[in-house]
Amino acid sequence: MEKRVSVVQTTLPGEWLEPEVGEWIFLKIREKLATCAHRSRIHSTYRWDGKIEFTQEWRVQFKTSLELKNSLIEEINSQHPYETPQILAWDADTTEDYFNWVQG
């Protein structure tokens, strides 16, 4: 595989209802910053303000082009409800068909 796409992942508050998460994702796709996204509920354990926290969150994973990755990250960061959002990004090898679909 020689084709590459970007995967951008973040988390959202667990108290958000599914329609709120869906709308938050929909706006990124409508703005053509991502081609698709997956969402799922997760259990998170992390250190915050000197305490260990256990919470439910939503994991959101976007697929986008290498060219749009930074724009998507900036948009997520500017509209994220968390003070310090988790935003992870990596490039992934893929098939030519999937690459072409993500490229639009």
PDB file of N, CA and C in Angstrom:
ATOM      1  N   MET A   1       0.843  -1.189   0.000  1.00  0.00           N
ATOM      2  CA  MET A   1       0.000   0.000   0.000  1.00  0.00           C
ATOM      3  C   MET A   1       0.883   1.245   0.000  1.00  0.00           C
ATOM      4  N   GLU A   2       0.599   2.121  -0.916  1.00  0.00           N
ATOM      5  CA  GLU A   2       1.359   3.366  -0.984  1.00  0.00           C
ATOM      6  C   GLU A   2       0.489   4.585  -0.734  1.00  0.00           C
ATOM      7  N   LYS A   3      -0.789   4.391  -0.600  1.00  0.00           N
ATOM      8  CA  LYS A   3      -1.707   5.506  -0.378  1.00  0.00           C
ATOM      9  C   LYS A   3      -1.883   5.719   1.115  1.00  0.00           C
ATOM     10  N   ARG A   4      -1.975   7.004   1.516  1.00  0.00           N
ATOM     11  CA  ARG A   4      -2.083   7.320   2.944  1.00  0.00           C
ATOM     12  C   ARG A   4      -3.215   8.307   3.199  1.00  0.00           C
ATOM     13  N   VAL A   5      -3.922   8.082   4.305  1.00  0.00           N
ATOM     14  CA  VAL A   5      -4.948   9.000   4.796  1.00  0.00           C
ATOM     15  C   VAL A   5      -4.591   9.349   6.237  1.00  0.00           C
ATOM     16  N   SER A   6      -5.244  10.354   6.774  1.00  0.00           N
ATOM     17  CA  SER A   6      -5.026  10.741   8.167  1.00  0.00           C
ATOM     18  C   SER A   6      -6.202  10.297   9.025  1.00  0.00           C
ATOM     19  N   VAL A   7      -5.879   9.857  10.215  1.00  0.00           N
ATOM     20  CA  VAL A   7      -6.869   9.502  11.222  1.00  0.00           C
ATOM     21  C   VAL A   7      -6.694  10.509  12.359  1.00  0.00           C
ATOM     22  N   VAL A   8      -7.770  11.175  12.732  1.00  0.00           N
ATOM     23  CA  VAL A   8      -7.731  12.165  13.813  1.00  0.00           C
ATOM     24  C   VAL A   8      -8.745  11.727  14.864  1.00  0.00           C
ATOM     25  N   GLN A   9      -8.273  11.594  16.085  1.00  0.00           N
ATOM     26  CA  GLN A   9      -9.117  11.063  17.158  1.00  0.00           C
ATOM     27  C   GLN A   9      -9.215  12.056  18.311  1.00  0.00           C
ATOM     28  N   THR A  10     -10.391  12.117  18.899  1.00  0.00           N
ATOM     29  CA  THR A  10     -10.609  12.945  20.082  1.00  0.00           C
ATOM     30  C   THR A  10     -11.626  12.256  20.980  1.00  0.00           C
ATOM     31  N   THR A  11     -11.858  12.836  22.137  1.00  0.00           N
ATOM     32  CA  THR A  11     -12.904  12.345  23.030  1.00  0.00           C
ATOM     33  C   THR A  11     -13.836  13.497  23.368  1.00  0.00           C
ATOM     34  N   LEU A  12     -15.069  13.155  23.663  1.00  0.00           N
ATOM     35  CA  LEU A  12     -16.094  14.135  24.033  1.00  0.00           C
ATOM     36  C   LEU A  12     -16.740  13.702  25.343  1.00  0.00           C
ATOM     37  N   PRO A  13     -17.402  14.627  26.031  1.00  0.00           N
ATOM     38  CA  PRO A  13     -17.999  14.304  27.329  1.00  0.00           C
ATOM     39  C   PRO A  13     -19.017  13.158  27.254  1.00  0.00           C
ATOM     40  N   GLY A  14     -18.926  12.253  28.202  1.00  0.00           N
ATOM     41  CA  GLY A  14     -19.836  11.120  28.255  1.00  0.00           C
ATOM     42  C   GLY A  14     -21.274  11.507  28.521  1.00  0.00           C
ATOM     43  N   GLU A  15     -21.480  12.672  29.141  1.00  0.00           N
ATOM     44  CA  GLU A  15     -22.858  13.097  29.421  1.00  0.00           C
ATOM     45  C   GLU A  15     -23.562  13.639  28.180  1.00  0.00           C
ATOM     46  N   TRP A  16     -22.810  13.880  27.111  1.00  0.00           N
ATOM     47  CA  TRP A  16     -23.461  14.291  25.872  1.00  0.00           C
ATOM     48  C   TRP A  16     -24.337  13.149  25.374  1.00  0.00           C
ATOM     49  N   LEU A  17     -25.503  13.482  24.887  1.00  0.00           N
ATOM     50  CA  LEU A  17     -26.385  12.487  24.287  1.00  0.00           C
ATOM     51  C   LEU A  17     -25.922  12.195  22.866  1.00  0.00           C
ATOM     52  N   GLU A  18     -26.306  11.042  22.371  1.00  0.00           N
ATOM     53  CA  GLU A  18     -25.870  10.626  21.033  1.00  0.00           C
ATOM     54  C   GLU A  18     -26.184  11.673  19.966  1.00  0.00           C
ATOM     55  N   PRO A  19     -27.371  12.303  19.971  1.00  0.00           N
ATOM     56  CA  PRO A  19     -27.636  13.324  18.955  1.00  0.00           C
ATOM     57  C   PRO A  19     -26.672  14.513  19.022  1.00  0.00           C
ATOM     58  N   GLU A  20     -26.228  14.888  20.218  1.00  0.00           N
ATOM     59  CA  GLU A  20     -25.264  15.987  20.344  1.00  0.00           C
ATOM     60  C   GLU A  20     -23.921  15.602  19.729  1.00  0.00           C
ATOM     61  N   VAL A  21     -23.485  14.395  20.003  1.00  0.00           N
ATOM     62  CA  VAL A  21     -22.229  13.907  19.434  1.00  0.00           C
ATOM     63  C   VAL A  21     -22.359  13.827  17.916  1.00  0.00           C
ATOM     64  N   GLY A  22     -23.484  13.295  17.454  1.00  0.00           N
ATOM     65  CA  GLY A  22     -23.722  13.192  16.016  1.00  0.00           C
ATOM     66  C   GLY A  22     -23.697  14.539  15.326  1.00  0.00           C
ATOM     67  N   GLU A  23     -24.297  15.539  15.931  1.00  0.00           N
ATOM     68  CA  GLU A  23     -24.305  16.887  15.349  1.00  0.00           C
ATOM     69  C   GLU A  23     -22.901  17.476  15.321  1.00  0.00           C
ATOM     70  N   TRP A  24     -22.136  17.290  16.380  1.00  0.00           N
ATOM     71  CA  TRP A  24     -20.761  17.794  16.459  1.00  0.00           C
ATOM     72  C   TRP A  24     -19.920  17.192  15.331  1.00  0.00           C
ATOM     73  N   ILE A  25     -20.108  15.897  15.089  1.00  0.00           N
ATOM     74  CA  ILE A  25     -19.398  15.208  14.009  1.00  0.00           C
ATOM     75  C   ILE A  25     -19.912  15.677  12.653  1.00  0.00           C
ATOM     76  N   PHE A  26     -21.231  15.743  12.513  1.00  0.00           N
ATOM     77  CA  PHE A  26     -21.860  16.128  11.249  1.00  0.00           C
ATOM     78  C   PHE A  26     -21.307  17.455  10.732  1.00  0.00           C
ATOM     79  N   LEU A  27     -21.120  18.413  11.627  1.00  0.00           N
ATOM     80  CA  LEU A  27     -20.627  19.728  11.208  1.00  0.00           C
ATOM     81  C   LEU A  27     -19.237  19.640  10.587  1.00  0.00           C
ATOM     82  N   LYS A  28     -18.380  18.778  11.108  1.00  0.00           N
ATOM     83  CA  LYS A  28     -17.023  18.629  10.545  1.00  0.00           C
ATOM     84  C   LYS A  28     -17.085  17.994   9.157  1.00  0.00           C
ATOM     85  N   ILE A  29     -17.991  17.047   8.993  1.00  0.00           N
ATOM     86  CA  ILE A  29     -18.116  16.388   7.695  1.00  0.00           C
ATOM     87  C   ILE A  29     -18.788  17.323   6.696  1.00  0.00           C
ATOM     88  N   ARG A  30     -19.810  18.060   7.134  1.00  0.00           N
ATOM     89  CA  ARG A  30     -20.473  19.022   6.252  1.00  0.00           C
ATOM     90  C   ARG A  30     -19.498  20.092   5.770  1.00  0.00           C
ATOM     91  N   GLU A  31     -18.584  20.505   6.643  1.00  0.00           N
ATOM     92  CA  GLU A  31     -17.581  21.505   6.272  1.00  0.00           C
ATOM     93  C   GLU A  31     -16.451  20.912   5.433  1.00  0.00           C
ATOM     94  N   LYS A  32     -16.558  19.621   5.113  1.00  0.00           N
ATOM     95  CA  LYS A  32     -15.596  18.888   4.285  1.00  0.00           C
ATOM     96  C   LYS A  32     -14.204  18.833   4.897  1.00  0.00           C
ATOM     97  N   LEU A  33     -14.151  18.843   6.233  1.00  0.00           N
ATOM     98  CA  LEU A  33     -12.875  18.680   6.924  1.00  0.00           C
ATOM     99  C   LEU A  33     -12.544  17.204   7.127  1.00  0.00           C
ATOM    100  N   ALA A  34     -13.552  16.351   7.027  1.00  0.00           N
ATOM    101  CA  ALA A  34     -13.376  14.906   7.150  1.00  0.00           C
ATOM    102  C   ALA A  34     -14.355  14.223   6.210  1.00  0.00           C
ATOM    103  N   THR A  35     -14.001  13.005   5.827  1.00  0.00           N
ATOM    104  CA  THR A  35     -14.871  12.232   4.947  1.00  0.00           C
ATOM    105  C   THR A  35     -15.836  11.368   5.739  1.00  0.00           C
ATOM    106  N   CYS A  36     -15.378  10.846   6.868  1.00  0.00           N
ATOM    107  CA  CYS A  36     -16.249  10.019   7.702  1.00  0.00           C
ATOM    108  C   CYS A  36     -15.748  10.046   9.140  1.00  0.00           C
ATOM    109  N   ALA A  37     -16.570   9.521  10.034  1.00  0.00           N
ATOM    110  CA  ALA A  37     -16.190   9.445  11.447  1.00  0.00           C
ATOM    111  C   ALA A  37     -16.888   8.259  12.092  1.00  0.00           C
ATOM    112  N   HIS A  38     -16.243   7.711  13.089  1.00  0.00           N
ATOM    113  CA  HIS A  38     -16.825   6.658  13.917  1.00  0.00           C
ATOM    114  C   HIS A  38     -16.884   7.172  15.344  1.00  0.00           C
ATOM    115  N   ARG A  39     -17.915   6.783  16.051  1.00  0.00           N
ATOM    116  CA  ARG A  39     -18.043   7.184  17.453  1.00  0.00           C
ATOM    117  C   ARG A  39     -18.435   5.968  18.280  1.00  0.00           C
ATOM    118  N   SER A  40     -17.923   5.948  19.488  1.00  0.00           N
ATOM    119  CA  SER A  40     -18.274   4.865  20.404  1.00  0.00           C
ATOM    120  C   SER A  40     -18.075   5.337  21.836  1.00  0.00           C
ATOM    121  N   ARG A  41     -18.839   4.740  22.731  1.00  0.00           N
ATOM    122  CA  ARG A  41     -18.695   5.052  24.156  1.00  0.00           C
ATOM    123  C   ARG A  41     -17.490   4.288  24.696  1.00  0.00           C
ATOM    124  N   ILE A  42     -16.735   4.960  25.569  1.00  0.00           N
ATOM    125  CA  ILE A  42     -15.570   4.337  26.185  1.00  0.00           C
ATOM    126  C   ILE A  42     -15.544   4.677  27.672  1.00  0.00           C
ATOM    127  N   HIS A  43     -14.754   3.952  28.420  1.00  0.00           N
ATOM    128  CA  HIS A  43     -14.484   4.249  29.826  1.00  0.00           C
ATOM    129  C   HIS A  43     -13.053   4.749  29.894  1.00  0.00           C
ATOM    130  N   SER A  44     -12.843   5.922  30.477  1.00  0.00           N
ATOM    131  CA  SER A  44     -11.515   6.526  30.553  1.00  0.00           C
ATOM    132  C   SER A  44     -11.043   6.609  31.999  1.00  0.00           C
ATOM    133  N   THR A  45      -9.760   6.388  32.182  1.00  0.00           N
ATOM    134  CA  THR A  45      -9.092   6.558  33.467  1.00  0.00           C
ATOM    135  C   THR A  45      -7.918   7.487  33.219  1.00  0.00           C
ATOM    136  N   TYR A  46      -7.844   8.575  33.983  1.00  0.00           N
ATOM    137  CA  TYR A  46      -6.788   9.559  33.733  1.00  0.00           C
ATOM    138  C   TYR A  46      -6.537  10.396  34.981  1.00  0.00           C
ATOM    139  N   ARG A  47      -5.391  11.055  34.991  1.00  0.00           N
ATOM    140  CA  ARG A  47      -5.036  11.943  36.095  1.00  0.00           C
ATOM    141  C   ARG A  47      -5.414  13.370  35.705  1.00  0.00           C
ATOM    142  N   TRP A  48      -6.140  14.072  36.578  1.00  0.00           N
ATOM    143  CA  TRP A  48      -6.539  15.461  36.336  1.00  0.00           C
ATOM    144  C   TRP A  48      -6.530  16.208  37.664  1.00  0.00           C
ATOM    145  N   ASP A  49      -5.815  17.306  37.712  1.00  0.00           N
ATOM    146  CA  ASP A  49      -5.711  18.127  38.931  1.00  0.00           C
ATOM    147  C   ASP A  49      -5.299  17.302  40.155  1.00  0.00           C
ATOM    148  N   GLY A  50      -4.345  16.397  39.945  1.00  0.00           N
ATOM    149  CA  GLY A  50      -3.813  15.607  41.054  1.00  0.00           C
ATOM    150  C   GLY A  50      -4.670  14.443  41.498  1.00  0.00           C
ATOM    151  N   LYS A  51      -5.790  14.206  40.823  1.00  0.00           N
ATOM    152  CA  LYS A  51      -6.681  13.096  41.172  1.00  0.00           C
ATOM    153  C   LYS A  51      -6.761  12.119  40.002  1.00  0.00           C
ATOM    154  N   ILE A  52      -7.047  10.875  40.324  1.00  0.00           N
ATOM    155  CA  ILE A  52      -7.309   9.889  39.278  1.00  0.00           C
ATOM    156  C   ILE A  52      -8.811   9.867  39.043  1.00  0.00           C
ATOM    157  N   GLU A  53      -9.195  10.099  37.811  1.00  0.00           N
ATOM    158  CA  GLU A  53     -10.607  10.183  37.425  1.00  0.00           C
ATOM    159  C   GLU A  53     -11.008   8.946  36.621  1.00  0.00           C
ATOM    160  N   PHE A  54     -12.260   8.546  36.769  1.00  0.00           N
ATOM    161  CA  PHE A  54     -12.868   7.457  35.998  1.00  0.00           C
ATOM    162  C   PHE A  54     -14.146   8.021  35.396  1.00  0.00           C
ATOM    163  N   THR A  55     -14.214   8.110  34.087  1.00  0.00           N
ATOM    164  CA  THR A  55     -15.402   8.685  33.455  1.00  0.00           C
ATOM    165  C   THR A  55     -15.771   7.923  32.191  1.00  0.00           C
ATOM    166  N   GLN A  56     -17.017   8.102  31.796  1.00  0.00           N
ATOM    167  CA  GLN A  56     -17.446   7.652  30.474  1.00  0.00           C
ATOM    168  C   GLN A  56     -17.236   8.806  29.521  1.00  0.00           C
ATOM    169  N   GLU A  57     -16.797   8.500  28.326  1.00  0.00           N
ATOM    170  CA  GLU A  57     -16.621   9.502  27.286  1.00  0.00           C
ATOM    171  C   GLU A  57     -17.067   8.906  25.961  1.00  0.00           C
ATOM    172  N   TRP A  58     -17.061   9.752  24.967  1.00  0.00           N
ATOM    173  CA  TRP A  58     -17.249   9.335  23.583  1.00  0.00           C
ATOM    174  C   TRP A  58     -15.892   9.408  22.895  1.00  0.00           C
ATOM    175  N   ARG A  59     -15.501   8.365  22.179  1.00  0.00           N
ATOM    176  CA  ARG A  59     -14.323   8.418  21.322  1.00  0.00           C
ATOM    177  C   ARG A  59     -14.819   8.690  19.907  1.00  0.00           C
ATOM    178  N   VAL A  60     -14.223   9.687  19.280  1.00  0.00           N
ATOM    179  CA  VAL A  60     -14.573  10.029  17.903  1.00  0.00           C
ATOM    180  C   VAL A  60     -13.306   9.918  17.065  1.00  0.00           C
ATOM    181  N   GLN A  61     -13.410   9.188  15.970  1.00  0.00           N
ATOM    182  CA  GLN A  61     -12.269   8.992  15.090  1.00  0.00           C
ATOM    183  C   GLN A  61     -12.669   9.412  13.677  1.00  0.00           C
ATOM    184  N   PHE A  62     -12.011  10.456  13.194  1.00  0.00           N
ATOM    185  CA  PHE A  62     -12.263  10.986  11.856  1.00  0.00           C
ATOM    186  C   PHE A  62     -11.254  10.420  10.867  1.00  0.00           C
ATOM    187  N   LYS A  63     -11.672  10.273   9.605  1.00  0.00           N
ATOM    188  CA  LYS A  63     -10.765   9.972   8.505  1.00  0.00           C
ATOM    189  C   LYS A  63     -10.786  11.169   7.566  1.00  0.00           C
ATOM    190  N   THR A  64      -9.592  11.635   7.206  1.00  0.00           N
ATOM    191  CA  THR A  64      -9.470  12.806   6.346  1.00  0.00           C
ATOM    192  C   THR A  64      -8.229  12.673   5.475  1.00  0.00           C
ATOM    193  N   SER A  65      -8.054  13.607   4.572  1.00  0.00           N
ATOM    194  CA  SER A  65      -6.865  13.603   3.716  1.00  0.00           C
ATOM    195  C   SER A  65      -5.681  14.191   4.475  1.00  0.00           C
ATOM    196  N   LEU A  66      -4.478  13.888   4.013  1.00  0.00           N
ATOM    197  CA  LEU A  66      -3.276  14.466   4.619  1.00  0.00           C
ATOM    198  C   LEU A  66      -3.320  15.985   4.534  1.00  0.00           C
ATOM    199  N   GLU A  67      -3.876  16.501   3.447  1.00  0.00           N
ATOM    200  CA  GLU A  67      -3.929  17.946   3.229  1.00  0.00           C
ATOM    201  C   GLU A  67      -4.875  18.648   4.206  1.00  0.00           C
ATOM    202  N   LEU A  68      -5.926  17.968   4.642  1.00  0.00           N
ATOM    203  CA  LEU A  68      -6.920  18.587   5.527  1.00  0.00           C
ATOM    204  C   LEU A  68      -6.699  18.291   7.007  1.00  0.00           C
ATOM    205  N   LYS A  69      -5.739  17.446   7.311  1.00  0.00           N
ATOM    206  CA  LYS A  69      -5.514  17.034   8.706  1.00  0.00           C
ATOM    207  C   LYS A  69      -5.351  18.231   9.643  1.00  0.00           C
ATOM    208  N   ASN A  70      -4.479  19.159   9.324  1.00  0.00           N
ATOM    209  CA  ASN A  70      -4.226  20.287  10.232  1.00  0.00           C
ATOM    210  C   ASN A  70      -5.443  21.192  10.378  1.00  0.00           C
ATOM    211  N   SER A  71      -6.194  21.385   9.302  1.00  0.00           N
ATOM    212  CA  SER A  71      -7.417  22.199   9.389  1.00  0.00           C
ATOM    213  C   SER A  71      -8.445  21.533  10.298  1.00  0.00           C
ATOM    214  N   LEU A  72      -8.578  20.220  10.181  1.00  0.00           N
ATOM    215  CA  LEU A  72      -9.505  19.485  11.047  1.00  0.00           C
ATOM    216  C   LEU A  72      -9.067  19.589  12.505  1.00  0.00           C
ATOM    217  N   ILE A  73      -7.782  19.430  12.763  1.00  0.00           N
ATOM    218  CA  ILE A  73      -7.269  19.531  14.131  1.00  0.00           C
ATOM    219  C   ILE A  73      -7.544  20.917  14.703  1.00  0.00           C
ATOM    220  N   GLU A  74      -7.308  21.961  13.927  1.00  0.00           N
ATOM    221  CA  GLU A  74      -7.572  23.331  14.387  1.00  0.00           C
ATOM    222  C   GLU A  74      -9.053  23.527  14.712  1.00  0.00           C
ATOM    223  N   GLU A  75      -9.925  22.994  13.862  1.00  0.00           N
ATOM    224  CA  GLU A  75     -11.376  23.118  14.083  1.00  0.00           C
ATOM    225  C   GLU A  75     -11.801  22.372  15.351  1.00  0.00           C
ATOM    226  N   ILE A  76     -11.304  21.164  15.526  1.00  0.00           N
ATOM    227  CA  ILE A  76     -11.628  20.396  16.728  1.00  0.00           C
ATOM    228  C   ILE A  76     -11.164  21.153  17.964  1.00  0.00           C
ATOM    229  N   ASN A  77      -9.940  21.643  17.935  1.00  0.00           N
ATOM    230  CA  ASN A  77      -9.376  22.342  19.091  1.00  0.00           C
ATOM    231  C   ASN A  77     -10.154  23.614  19.422  1.00  0.00           C
ATOM    232  N   SER A  78     -10.583  24.346  18.403  1.00  0.00           N
ATOM    233  CA  SER A  78     -11.279  25.615  18.649  1.00  0.00           C
ATOM    234  C   SER A  78     -12.706  25.419  19.158  1.00  0.00           C
ATOM    235  N   GLN A  79     -13.330  24.278  18.852  1.00  0.00           N
ATOM    236  CA  GLN A  79     -14.724  24.056  19.237  1.00  0.00           C
ATOM    237  C   GLN A  79     -14.896  22.977  20.303  1.00  0.00           C
ATOM    238  N   HIS A  80     -13.799  22.531  20.870  1.00  0.00           N
ATOM    239  CA  HIS A  80     -13.867  21.419  21.820  1.00  0.00           C
ATOM    240  C   HIS A  80     -14.347  21.895  23.191  1.00  0.00           C
ATOM    241  N   PRO A  81     -15.201  21.119  23.858  1.00  0.00           N
ATOM    242  CA  PRO A  81     -15.703  21.528  25.172  1.00  0.00           C
ATOM    243  C   PRO A  81     -14.693  21.349  26.308  1.00  0.00           C
ATOM    244  N   TYR A  82     -13.652  20.559  26.103  1.00  0.00           N
ATOM    245  CA  TYR A  82     -12.673  20.324  27.169  1.00  0.00           C
ATOM    246  C   TYR A  82     -11.625  21.427  27.215  1.00  0.00           C
ATOM    247  N   GLU A  83     -11.144  21.698  28.412  1.00  0.00           N
ATOM    248  CA  GLU A  83     -10.060  22.666  28.610  1.00  0.00           C
ATOM    249  C   GLU A  83      -8.773  22.191  27.922  1.00  0.00           C
ATOM    250  N   THR A  84      -8.485  20.908  28.049  1.00  0.00           N
ATOM    251  CA  THR A  84      -7.311  20.302  27.415  1.00  0.00           C
ATOM    252  C   THR A  84      -7.782  19.076  26.638  1.00  0.00           C
ATOM    253  N   PRO A  85      -8.230  19.268  25.405  1.00  0.00           N
ATOM    254  CA  PRO A  85      -8.775  18.135  24.658  1.00  0.00           C
ATOM    255  C   PRO A  85      -7.694  17.158  24.212  1.00  0.00           C
ATOM    256  N   GLN A  86      -8.070  15.893  24.201  1.00  0.00           N
ATOM    257  CA  GLN A  86      -7.217  14.886  23.591  1.00  0.00           C
ATOM    258  C   GLN A  86      -7.427  14.987  22.088  1.00  0.00           C
ATOM    259  N   ILE A  87      -6.373  15.284  21.370  1.00  0.00           N
ATOM    260  CA  ILE A  87      -6.426  15.263  19.909  1.00  0.00           C
ATOM    261  C   ILE A  87      -5.197  14.495  19.453  1.00  0.00           C
ATOM    262  N   LEU A  88      -5.422  13.336  18.884  1.00  0.00           N
ATOM    263  CA  LEU A  88      -4.349  12.491  18.380  1.00  0.00           C
ATOM    264  C   LEU A  88      -4.517  12.360  16.876  1.00  0.00           C
ATOM    265  N   ALA A  89      -3.412  12.338  16.161  1.00  0.00           N
ATOM    266  CA  ALA A  89      -3.486  12.197  14.707  1.00  0.00           C
ATOM    267  C   ALA A  89      -2.339  11.321  14.222  1.00  0.00           C
ATOM    268  N   TRP A  90      -2.659  10.500  13.245  1.00  0.00           N
ATOM    269  CA  TRP A  90      -1.620   9.689  12.621  1.00  0.00           C
ATOM    270  C   TRP A  90      -2.017   9.424  11.182  1.00  0.00           C
ATOM    271  N   ASP A  91      -1.016   9.129  10.381  1.00  0.00           N
ATOM    272  CA  ASP A  91      -1.248   8.799   8.985  1.00  0.00           C
ATOM    273  C   ASP A  91      -1.236   7.283   8.849  1.00  0.00           C
ATOM    274  N   ALA A  92      -2.114   6.779   7.990  1.00  0.00           N
ATOM    275  CA  ALA A  92      -2.272   5.334   7.847  1.00  0.00           C
ATOM    276  C   ALA A  92      -2.240   4.932   6.382  1.00  0.00           C
ATOM    277  N   ASP A  93      -1.592   3.819   6.112  1.00  0.00           N
ATOM    278  CA  ASP A  93      -1.617   3.242   4.774  1.00  0.00           C
ATOM    279  C   ASP A  93      -3.016   2.712   4.503  1.00  0.00           C
ATOM    280  N   THR A  94      -3.432   2.797   3.249  1.00  0.00           N
ATOM    281  CA  THR A  94      -4.753   2.299   2.891  1.00  0.00           C
ATOM    282  C   THR A  94      -4.759   1.833   1.439  1.00  0.00           C
ATOM    283  N   THR A  95      -5.880   1.303   1.020  1.00  0.00           N
ATOM    284  CA  THR A  95      -6.024   0.870  -0.365  1.00  0.00           C
ATOM    285  C   THR A  95      -6.241   2.073  -1.272  1.00  0.00           C
ATOM    286  N   GLU A  96      -6.010   1.874  -2.542  1.00  0.00           N
ATOM    287  CA  GLU A  96      -6.213   2.969  -3.488  1.00  0.00           C
ATOM    288  C   GLU A  96      -7.682   3.394  -3.533  1.00  0.00           C
ATOM    289  N   ASP A  97      -8.594   2.438  -3.474  1.00  0.00           N
ATOM    290  CA  ASP A  97     -10.023   2.773  -3.507  1.00  0.00           C
ATOM    291  C   ASP A  97     -10.432   3.620  -2.304  1.00  0.00           C
ATOM    292  N   TYR A  98      -9.985   3.233  -1.103  1.00  0.00           N
ATOM    293  CA  TYR A  98     -10.344   4.003   0.093  1.00  0.00           C
ATOM    294  C   TYR A  98      -9.690   5.377   0.053  1.00  0.00           C
ATOM    295  N   PHE A  99      -8.435   5.433  -0.371  1.00  0.00           N
ATOM    296  CA  PHE A  99      -7.729   6.706  -0.516  1.00  0.00           C
ATOM    297  C   PHE A  99      -8.510   7.642  -1.433  1.00  0.00           C
ATOM    298  N   ASN A 100      -8.929   7.135  -2.582  1.00  0.00           N
ATOM    299  CA  ASN A 100      -9.674   7.962  -3.542  1.00  0.00           C
ATOM    300  C   ASN A 100     -10.991   8.444  -2.950  1.00  0.00           C
ATOM    301  N   TRP A 101     -11.660   7.597  -2.190  1.00  0.00           N
ATOM    302  CA  TRP A 101     -12.915   7.995  -1.558  1.00  0.00           C
ATOM    303  C   TRP A 101     -12.675   9.110  -0.541  1.00  0.00           C
ATOM    304  N   VAL A 102     -11.649   8.972   0.295  1.00  0.00           N
ATOM    305  CA  VAL A 102     -11.342   9.998   1.298  1.00  0.00           C
ATOM    306  C   VAL A 102     -10.951  11.305   0.615  1.00  0.00           C
ATOM    307  N   GLN A 103     -10.223  11.216  -0.472  1.00  0.00           N
ATOM    308  CA  GLN A 103      -9.806  12.418  -1.204  1.00  0.00           C
ATOM    309  C   GLN A 103     -11.009  13.156  -1.794  1.00  0.00           C
ATOM    310  N   GLY A 104     -12.089  12.428  -2.010  1.00  0.00           N
ATOM    311  CA  GLY A 104     -13.310  13.053  -2.512  1.00  0.00           C
ATOM    312  C   GLY A 104     -13.355  13.105  -3.997  1.00  0.00           C
TER     313      GLY A 104
END
